[in-house]
């Protein structure tokens, strides 16, 4: 199993955000799930925090919020289900 580091923290799972598509891999880098979040505007993931088996993604969006680019936070569960999102 590959172990990736982020911000000095090592974790044996991988959750990667590309735009606001993210995926999680398990042992032997096998894809467990892939999801895309956001709307019709620009939705960009810029960081990720692993919280137990879930993750919190921070980025910005023009799809939601008060117009222009707004901060966008999402919490995604260990199975790829959106738990909550905030702008």
PDB file of N, CA and C in Angstrom:
ATOM      1  N   UNK A   1       0.850  -1.162   0.000  1.00  0.00           N
ATOM      2  CA  UNK A   1       0.000   0.000   0.000  1.00  0.00           C
ATOM      3  C   UNK A   1       0.903   1.234   0.000  1.00  0.00           C
ATOM      4  N   UNK A   2       0.598   2.211  -0.834  1.00  0.00           N
ATOM      5  CA  UNK A   2       1.358   3.455  -0.841  1.00  0.00           C
ATOM      6  C   UNK A   2       0.841   4.367   0.258  1.00  0.00           C
ATOM      7  N   UNK A   3       1.725   5.107   0.859  1.00  0.00           N
ATOM      8  CA  UNK A   3       1.352   6.076   1.884  1.00  0.00           C
ATOM      9  C   UNK A   3       1.733   7.447   1.365  1.00  0.00           C
ATOM     10  N   UNK A   4       0.779   8.360   1.369  1.00  0.00           N
ATOM     11  CA  UNK A   4       1.012   9.700   0.863  1.00  0.00           C
ATOM     12  C   UNK A   4       1.061  10.683   2.015  1.00  0.00           C
ATOM     13  N   UNK A   5       1.880  11.702   1.908  1.00  0.00           N
ATOM     14  CA  UNK A   5       1.948  12.740   2.929  1.00  0.00           C
ATOM     15  C   UNK A   5       1.330  14.029   2.436  1.00  0.00           C
ATOM     16  N   UNK A   6       0.711  14.752   3.350  1.00  0.00           N
ATOM     17  CA  UNK A   6       0.134  16.059   3.032  1.00  0.00           C
ATOM     18  C   UNK A   6       0.294  16.931   4.260  1.00  0.00           C
ATOM     19  N   UNK A   7       0.964  18.044   4.126  1.00  0.00           N
ATOM     20  CA  UNK A   7       1.126  18.952   5.249  1.00  0.00           C
ATOM     21  C   UNK A   7       1.815  18.316   6.447  1.00  0.00           C
ATOM     22  N   UNK A   8       2.705  17.380   6.185  1.00  0.00           N
ATOM     23  CA  UNK A   8       3.422  16.729   7.259  1.00  0.00           C
ATOM     24  C   UNK A   8       2.672  15.570   7.905  1.00  0.00           C
ATOM     25  N   UNK A   9       1.462  15.297   7.466  1.00  0.00           N
ATOM     26  CA  UNK A   9       0.675  14.202   8.021  1.00  0.00           C
ATOM     27  C   UNK A   9       0.685  13.038   7.047  1.00  0.00           C
ATOM     28  N   UNK A  10       0.965  11.854   7.540  1.00  0.00           N
ATOM     29  CA  UNK A  10       0.941  10.664   6.699  1.00  0.00           C
ATOM     30  C   UNK A  10      -0.363   9.928   6.923  1.00  0.00           C
ATOM     31  N   UNK A  11      -0.957   9.461   5.832  1.00  0.00           N
ATOM     32  CA  UNK A  11      -2.186   8.685   5.954  1.00  0.00           C
ATOM     33  C   UNK A  11      -2.193   7.609   4.876  1.00  0.00           C
ATOM     34  N   UNK A  12      -2.686   6.413   5.208  1.00  0.00           N
ATOM     35  CA  UNK A  12      -2.607   5.287   4.282  1.00  0.00           C
ATOM     36  C   UNK A  12      -3.744   5.222   3.274  1.00  0.00           C
ATOM     37  N   UNK A  13      -4.590   6.233   3.211  1.00  0.00           N
ATOM     38  CA  UNK A  13      -5.625   6.307   2.188  1.00  0.00           C
ATOM     39  C   UNK A  13      -5.326   7.518   1.337  1.00  0.00           C
ATOM     40  N   UNK A  14      -5.897   7.551   0.171  1.00  0.00           N
ATOM     41  CA  UNK A  14      -5.673   8.675  -0.721  1.00  0.00           C
ATOM     42  C   UNK A  14      -7.019   9.221  -1.145  1.00  0.00           C
ATOM     43  N   UNK A  15      -7.231  10.489  -0.906  1.00  0.00           N
ATOM     44  CA  UNK A  15      -8.402  11.175  -1.422  1.00  0.00           C
ATOM     45  C   UNK A  15      -7.866  12.396  -2.145  1.00  0.00           C
ATOM     46  N   UNK A  16      -8.108  12.484  -3.425  1.00  0.00           N
ATOM     47  CA  UNK A  16      -7.545  13.539  -4.246  1.00  0.00           C
ATOM     48  C   UNK A  16      -8.667  14.381  -4.818  1.00  0.00           C
ATOM     49  N   UNK A  17      -8.471  15.682  -4.821  1.00  0.00           N
ATOM     50  CA  UNK A  17      -9.463  16.597  -5.371  1.00  0.00           C
ATOM     51  C   UNK A  17      -8.910  17.188  -6.657  1.00  0.00           C
ATOM     52  N   UNK A  18      -9.631  17.055  -7.746  1.00  0.00           N
ATOM     53  CA  UNK A  18      -9.274  17.637  -9.036  1.00  0.00           C
ATOM     54  C   UNK A  18     -10.474  18.446  -9.483  1.00  0.00           C
ATOM     55  N   UNK A  19     -10.356  19.775  -9.496  1.00  0.00           N
ATOM     56  CA  UNK A  19     -11.546  20.594  -9.632  1.00  0.00           C
ATOM     57  C   UNK A  19     -12.376  20.284  -8.410  1.00  0.00           C
ATOM     58  N   UNK A  20     -13.600  19.880  -8.563  1.00  0.00           N
ATOM     59  CA  UNK A  20     -14.331  19.334  -7.425  1.00  0.00           C
ATOM     60  C   UNK A  20     -14.780  17.925  -7.734  1.00  0.00           C
ATOM     61  N   UNK A  21     -13.906  17.204  -8.401  1.00  0.00           N
ATOM     62  CA  UNK A  21     -14.039  15.760  -8.501  1.00  0.00           C
ATOM     63  C   UNK A  21     -13.049  15.191  -7.506  1.00  0.00           C
ATOM     64  N   UNK A  22     -13.460  14.208  -6.762  1.00  0.00           N
ATOM     65  CA  UNK A  22     -12.518  13.593  -5.833  1.00  0.00           C
ATOM     66  C   UNK A  22     -12.694  12.086  -5.887  1.00  0.00           C
ATOM     67  N   UNK A  23     -11.644  11.390  -5.503  1.00  0.00           N
ATOM     68  CA  UNK A  23     -11.715   9.938  -5.478  1.00  0.00           C
ATOM     69  C   UNK A  23     -10.927   9.422  -4.294  1.00  0.00           C
ATOM     70  N   UNK A  24     -11.230   8.201  -3.930  1.00  0.00           N
ATOM     71  CA  UNK A  24     -10.520   7.558  -2.831  1.00  0.00           C
ATOM     72  C   UNK A  24     -10.026   6.209  -3.313  1.00  0.00           C
ATOM     73  N   UNK A  25      -8.784   5.912  -2.943  1.00  0.00           N
ATOM     74  CA  UNK A  25      -8.225   4.611  -3.263  1.00  0.00           C
ATOM     75  C   UNK A  25      -7.980   3.837  -1.977  1.00  0.00           C
ATOM     76  N   UNK A  26      -7.938   2.542  -2.105  1.00  0.00           N
ATOM     77  CA  UNK A  26      -7.664   1.674  -0.962  1.00  0.00           C
ATOM     78  C   UNK A  26      -6.334   0.984  -1.141  1.00  0.00           C
ATOM     79  N   UNK A  27      -6.267  -0.203  -0.611  1.00  0.00           N
ATOM     80  CA  UNK A  27      -5.038  -0.976  -0.728  1.00  0.00           C
ATOM     81  C   UNK A  27      -4.711  -1.220  -2.192  1.00  0.00           C
ATOM     82  N   UNK A  28      -3.416  -1.262  -2.470  1.00  0.00           N
ATOM     83  CA  UNK A  28      -2.905  -1.481  -3.819  1.00  0.00           C
ATOM     84  C   UNK A  28      -3.452  -0.458  -4.807  1.00  0.00           C
ATOM     85  N   UNK A  29      -3.782   0.740  -4.302  1.00  0.00           N
ATOM     86  CA  UNK A  29      -4.254   1.863  -5.123  1.00  0.00           C
ATOM     87  C   UNK A  29      -5.512   1.542  -5.915  1.00  0.00           C
ATOM     88  N   UNK A  30      -6.320   0.624  -5.433  1.00  0.00           N
ATOM     89  CA  UNK A  30      -7.580   0.266  -6.095  1.00  0.00           C
ATOM     90  C   UNK A  30      -8.597   1.380  -5.869  1.00  0.00           C
ATOM     91  N   UNK A  31      -9.253   1.827  -6.943  1.00  0.00           N
ATOM     92  CA  UNK A  31     -10.250   2.885  -6.849  1.00  0.00           C
ATOM     93  C   UNK A  31     -11.461   2.381  -6.076  1.00  0.00           C
ATOM     94  N   UNK A  32     -11.813   3.084  -4.990  1.00  0.00           N
ATOM     95  CA  UNK A  32     -12.981   2.723  -4.189  1.00  0.00           C
ATOM     96  C   UNK A  32     -14.209   3.509  -4.627  1.00  0.00           C
ATOM     97  N   UNK A  33     -14.018   4.809  -4.920  1.00  0.00           N
ATOM     98  CA  UNK A  33     -15.120   5.629  -5.421  1.00  0.00           C
ATOM     99  C   UNK A  33     -14.579   6.894  -6.054  1.00  0.00           C
ATOM    100  N   UNK A  34     -15.436   7.519  -6.872  1.00  0.00           N
ATOM    101  CA  UNK A  34     -15.120   8.805  -7.509  1.00  0.00           C
ATOM    102  C   UNK A  34     -16.412   9.591  -7.556  1.00  0.00           C
ATOM    103  N   UNK A  35     -16.359  10.857  -7.174  1.00  0.00           N
ATOM    104  CA  UNK A  35     -17.539  11.720  -7.176  1.00  0.00           C
ATOM    105  C   UNK A  35     -17.160  13.100  -7.693  1.00  0.00           C
ATOM    106  N   UNK A  36     -18.151  13.771  -8.279  1.00  0.00           N
ATOM    107  CA  UNK A  36     -17.992  15.159  -8.713  1.00  0.00           C
ATOM    108  C   UNK A  36     -19.026  15.998  -7.985  1.00  0.00           C
ATOM    109  N   UNK A  37     -18.592  17.123  -7.429  1.00  0.00           N
ATOM    110  CA  UNK A  37     -19.463  18.025  -6.687  1.00  0.00           C
ATOM    111  C   UNK A  37     -19.402  19.406  -7.318  1.00  0.00           C
ATOM    112  N   UNK A  38     -20.438  20.198  -7.088  1.00  0.00           N
ATOM    113  CA  UNK A  38     -20.464  21.565  -7.588  1.00  0.00           C
ATOM    114  C   UNK A  38     -21.673  21.796  -8.460  1.00  0.00           C
ATOM    115  N   UNK A  39     -21.613  22.875  -9.219  1.00  0.00           N
ATOM    116  CA  UNK A  39     -22.736  23.255 -10.061  1.00  0.00           C
ATOM    117  C   UNK A  39     -22.269  23.664 -11.437  1.00  0.00           C
ATOM    118  N   UNK A  40     -22.958  24.644 -12.024  1.00  0.00           N
ATOM    119  CA  UNK A  40     -22.678  25.030 -13.407  1.00  0.00           C
ATOM    120  C   UNK A  40     -21.552  26.049 -13.538  1.00  0.00           C
ATOM    121  N   UNK A  41     -21.097  26.619 -12.434  1.00  0.00           N
ATOM    122  CA  UNK A  41     -20.015  27.604 -12.477  1.00  0.00           C
ATOM    123  C   UNK A  41     -18.666  26.947 -12.268  1.00  0.00           C
ATOM    124  N   UNK A  42     -17.702  27.774 -11.896  1.00  0.00           N
ATOM    125  CA  UNK A  42     -16.363  27.274 -11.596  1.00  0.00           C
ATOM    126  C   UNK A  42     -16.329  26.800 -10.149  1.00  0.00           C
ATOM    127  N   UNK A  43     -15.960  25.566  -9.933  1.00  0.00           N
ATOM    128  CA  UNK A  43     -15.869  24.968  -8.604  1.00  0.00           C
ATOM    129  C   UNK A  43     -14.487  24.342  -8.489  1.00  0.00           C
ATOM    130  N   UNK A  44     -13.652  24.906  -7.644  1.00  0.00           N
ATOM    131  CA  UNK A  44     -12.254  24.500  -7.573  1.00  0.00           C
ATOM    132  C   UNK A  44     -11.919  24.054  -6.157  1.00  0.00           C
ATOM    133  N   UNK A  45     -11.427  22.834  -6.014  1.00  0.00           N
ATOM    134  CA  UNK A  45     -10.916  22.352  -4.737  1.00  0.00           C
ATOM    135  C   UNK A  45      -9.477  22.788  -4.565  1.00  0.00           C
ATOM    136  N   UNK A  46      -9.142  23.303  -3.382  1.00  0.00           N
ATOM    137  CA  UNK A  46      -7.786  23.797  -3.149  1.00  0.00           C
ATOM    138  C   UNK A  46      -7.069  23.107  -2.006  1.00  0.00           C
ATOM    139  N   UNK A  47      -7.811  22.418  -1.155  1.00  0.00           N
ATOM    140  CA  UNK A  47      -7.174  21.739  -0.030  1.00  0.00           C
ATOM    141  C   UNK A  47      -8.087  20.669   0.528  1.00  0.00           C
ATOM    142  N   UNK A  48      -7.506  19.802   1.318  1.00  0.00           N
ATOM    143  CA  UNK A  48      -8.265  18.688   1.878  1.00  0.00           C
ATOM    144  C   UNK A  48      -7.725  18.366   3.265  1.00  0.00           C
ATOM    145  N   UNK A  49      -8.624  18.040   4.173  1.00  0.00           N
ATOM    146  CA  UNK A  49      -8.260  17.621   5.522  1.00  0.00           C
ATOM    147  C   UNK A  49      -8.925  16.273   5.771  1.00  0.00           C
ATOM    148  N   UNK A  50      -8.158  15.300   6.200  1.00  0.00           N
ATOM    149  CA  UNK A  50      -8.707  13.998   6.548  1.00  0.00           C
ATOM    150  C   UNK A  50      -9.191  14.080   7.990  1.00  0.00           C
ATOM    151  N   UNK A  51     -10.445  13.719   8.203  1.00  0.00           N
ATOM    152  CA  UNK A  51     -11.066  13.769   9.534  1.00  0.00           C
ATOM    153  C   UNK A  51     -11.661  12.393   9.827  1.00  0.00           C
ATOM    154  N   UNK A  52     -10.904  11.552  10.513  1.00  0.00           N
ATOM    155  CA  UNK A  52     -11.337  10.165  10.714  1.00  0.00           C
ATOM    156  C   UNK A  52     -11.355   9.451   9.375  1.00  0.00           C
ATOM    157  N   UNK A  53     -12.503   8.901   8.985  1.00  0.00           N
ATOM    158  CA  UNK A  53     -12.655   8.263   7.681  1.00  0.00           C
ATOM    159  C   UNK A  53     -13.271   9.194   6.654  1.00  0.00           C
ATOM    160  N   UNK A  54     -13.626  10.402   7.059  1.00  0.00           N
ATOM    161  CA  UNK A  54     -14.235  11.388   6.172  1.00  0.00           C
ATOM    162  C   UNK A  54     -13.185  12.408   5.762  1.00  0.00           C
ATOM    163  N   UNK A  55     -13.569  13.318   4.881  1.00  0.00           N
ATOM    164  CA  UNK A  55     -12.664  14.400   4.522  1.00  0.00           C
ATOM    165  C   UNK A  55     -13.453  15.693   4.368  1.00  0.00           C
ATOM    166  N   UNK A  56     -12.768  16.794   4.598  1.00  0.00           N
ATOM    167  CA  UNK A  56     -13.331  18.123   4.386  1.00  0.00           C
ATOM    168  C   UNK A  56     -12.514  18.768   3.278  1.00  0.00           C
ATOM    169  N   UNK A  57     -13.207  19.246   2.258  1.00  0.00           N
ATOM    170  CA  UNK A  57     -12.564  19.882   1.111  1.00  0.00           C
ATOM    171  C   UNK A  57     -12.828  21.375   1.190  1.00  0.00           C
ATOM    172  N   UNK A  58     -11.799  22.165   0.984  1.00  0.00           N
ATOM    173  CA  UNK A  58     -11.953  23.618   0.934  1.00  0.00           C
ATOM    174  C   UNK A  58     -11.571  24.086  -0.461  1.00  0.00           C
ATOM    175  N   UNK A  59     -12.318  25.034  -0.966  1.00  0.00           N
ATOM    176  CA  UNK A  59     -12.048  25.588  -2.283  1.00  0.00           C
ATOM    177  C   UNK A  59     -12.869  26.833  -2.493  1.00  0.00           C
ATOM    178  N   UNK A  60     -13.179  27.114  -3.748  1.00  0.00           N
ATOM    179  CA  UNK A  60     -14.051  28.251  -4.042  1.00  0.00           C
ATOM    180  C   UNK A  60     -15.002  27.885  -5.175  1.00  0.00           C
ATOM    181  N   UNK A  61     -16.110  28.642  -5.237  1.00  0.00           N
ATOM    182  CA  UNK A  61     -17.155  28.353  -6.212  1.00  0.00           C
ATOM    183  C   UNK A  61     -17.764  29.634  -6.748  1.00  0.00           C
ATOM    184  N   UNK A  62     -18.190  29.590  -7.996  1.00  0.00           N
ATOM    185  CA  UNK A  62     -19.051  30.642  -8.543  1.00  0.00           C
ATOM    186  C   UNK A  62     -20.444  30.079  -8.802  1.00  0.00           C
ATOM    187  N   UNK A  63     -20.662  28.803  -8.462  1.00  0.00           N
ATOM    188  CA  UNK A  63     -21.962  28.159  -8.672  1.00  0.00           C
ATOM    189  C   UNK A  63     -22.958  28.493  -7.568  1.00  0.00           C
ATOM    190  N   UNK A  64     -22.462  28.725  -6.364  1.00  0.00           N
ATOM    191  CA  UNK A  64     -23.316  28.937  -5.201  1.00  0.00           C
ATOM    192  C   UNK A  64     -22.827  30.168  -4.444  1.00  0.00           C
ATOM    193  N   UNK A  65     -23.609  30.615  -3.475  1.00  0.00           N
ATOM    194  CA  UNK A  65     -23.188  31.725  -2.633  1.00  0.00           C
ATOM    195  C   UNK A  65     -23.746  33.037  -3.124  1.00  0.00           C
ATOM    196  N   UNK A  66     -23.040  34.109  -2.808  1.00  0.00           N
ATOM    197  CA  UNK A  66     -23.556  35.460  -3.036  1.00  0.00           C
ATOM    198  C   UNK A  66     -23.097  36.079  -4.349  1.00  0.00           C
ATOM    199  N   UNK A  67     -22.507  35.315  -5.226  1.00  0.00           N
ATOM    200  CA  UNK A  67     -22.009  35.850  -6.491  1.00  0.00           C
ATOM    201  C   UNK A  67     -20.507  36.013  -6.436  1.00  0.00           C
ATOM    202  N   UNK A  68     -19.885  36.030  -7.577  1.00  0.00           N
ATOM    203  CA  UNK A  68     -18.427  36.062  -7.598  1.00  0.00           C
ATOM    204  C   UNK A  68     -17.887  34.752  -7.049  1.00  0.00           C
ATOM    205  N   UNK A  69     -16.637  34.766  -6.661  1.00  0.00           N
ATOM    206  CA  UNK A  69     -16.017  33.562  -6.095  1.00  0.00           C
ATOM    207  C   UNK A  69     -16.220  33.560  -4.585  1.00  0.00           C
ATOM    208  N   UNK A  70     -16.857  32.529  -4.077  1.00  0.00           N
ATOM    209  CA  UNK A  70     -17.106  32.369  -2.646  1.00  0.00           C
ATOM    210  C   UNK A  70     -16.342  31.155  -2.137  1.00  0.00           C
ATOM    211  N   UNK A  71     -15.948  31.201  -0.858  1.00  0.00           N
ATOM    212  CA  UNK A  71     -15.335  30.037  -0.226  1.00  0.00           C
ATOM    213  C   UNK A  71     -16.343  28.894  -0.251  1.00  0.00           C
ATOM    214  N   UNK A  72     -15.871  27.692  -0.521  1.00  0.00           N
ATOM    215  CA  UNK A  72     -16.736  26.516  -0.644  1.00  0.00           C
ATOM    216  C   UNK A  72     -16.148  25.409   0.223  1.00  0.00           C
ATOM    217  N   UNK A  73     -16.918  24.915   1.174  1.00  0.00           N
ATOM    218  CA  UNK A  73     -16.508  23.823   2.048  1.00  0.00           C
ATOM    219  C   UNK A  73     -17.442  22.642   1.840  1.00  0.00           C
ATOM    220  N   UNK A  74     -16.895  21.449   1.758  1.00  0.00           N
ATOM    221  CA  UNK A  74     -17.693  20.228   1.622  1.00  0.00           C
ATOM    222  C   UNK A  74     -17.139  19.176   2.566  1.00  0.00           C
ATOM    223  N   UNK A  75     -18.026  18.419   3.187  1.00  0.00           N
ATOM    224  CA  UNK A  75     -17.597  17.252   3.953  1.00  0.00           C
ATOM    225  C   UNK A  75     -18.113  16.025   3.216  1.00  0.00           C
ATOM    226  N   UNK A  76     -17.183  15.125   2.908  1.00  0.00           N
ATOM    227  CA  UNK A  76     -17.488  13.920   2.143  1.00  0.00           C
ATOM    228  C   UNK A  76     -17.205  12.712   3.030  1.00  0.00           C
ATOM    229  N   UNK A  77     -18.163  11.795   3.099  1.00  0.00           N
ATOM    230  CA  UNK A  77     -18.029  10.600   3.924  1.00  0.00           C
ATOM    231  C   UNK A  77     -17.108   9.563   3.317  1.00  0.00           C
ATOM    232  N   UNK A  78     -16.812   8.556   4.094  1.00  0.00           N
ATOM    233  CA  UNK A  78     -15.858   7.523   3.681  1.00  0.00           C
ATOM    234  C   UNK A  78     -16.320   6.733   2.463  1.00  0.00           C
ATOM    235  N   UNK A  79     -17.618   6.764   2.161  1.00  0.00           N
ATOM    236  CA  UNK A  79     -18.153   6.068   0.986  1.00  0.00           C
ATOM    237  C   UNK A  79     -18.401   7.017  -0.185  1.00  0.00           C
ATOM    238  N   UNK A  80     -17.980   8.285  -0.050  1.00  0.00           N
ATOM    239  CA  UNK A  80     -18.132   9.249  -1.134  1.00  0.00           C
ATOM    240  C   UNK A  80     -19.417  10.045  -1.107  1.00  0.00           C
ATOM    241  N   UNK A  81     -20.218   9.890  -0.065  1.00  0.00           N
ATOM    242  CA  UNK A  81     -21.487  10.614   0.028  1.00  0.00           C
ATOM    243  C   UNK A  81     -21.254  12.005   0.625  1.00  0.00           C
ATOM    244  N   UNK A  82     -21.890  13.014   0.014  1.00  0.00           N
ATOM    245  CA  UNK A  82     -21.794  14.376   0.524  1.00  0.00           C
ATOM    246  C   UNK A  82     -22.540  14.462   1.851  1.00  0.00           C
ATOM    247  N   UNK A  83     -21.845  14.836   2.914  1.00  0.00           N
ATOM    248  CA  UNK A  83     -22.455  14.984   4.237  1.00  0.00           C
ATOM    249  C   UNK A  83     -23.025  16.386   4.388  1.00  0.00           C
ATOM    250  N   UNK A  84     -22.229  17.417   4.001  1.00  0.00           N
ATOM    251  CA  UNK A  84     -22.720  18.793   3.988  1.00  0.00           C
ATOM    252  C   UNK A  84     -21.840  19.638   3.080  1.00  0.00           C
ATOM    253  N   UNK A  85     -22.388  20.785   2.681  1.00  0.00           N
ATOM    254  CA  UNK A  85     -21.604  21.777   1.940  1.00  0.00           C
ATOM    255  C   UNK A  85     -22.009  23.158   2.423  1.00  0.00           C
ATOM    256  N   UNK A  86     -21.054  24.083   2.413  1.00  0.00           N
ATOM    257  CA  UNK A  86     -21.280  25.451   2.877  1.00  0.00           C
ATOM    258  C   UNK A  86     -20.539  26.428   1.966  1.00  0.00           C
ATOM    259  N   UNK A  87     -21.149  27.599   1.781  1.00  0.00           N
ATOM    260  CA  UNK A  87     -20.450  28.702   1.103  1.00  0.00           C
ATOM    261  C   UNK A  87     -20.379  29.871   2.050  1.00  0.00           C
TER     262      UNK A  87
END
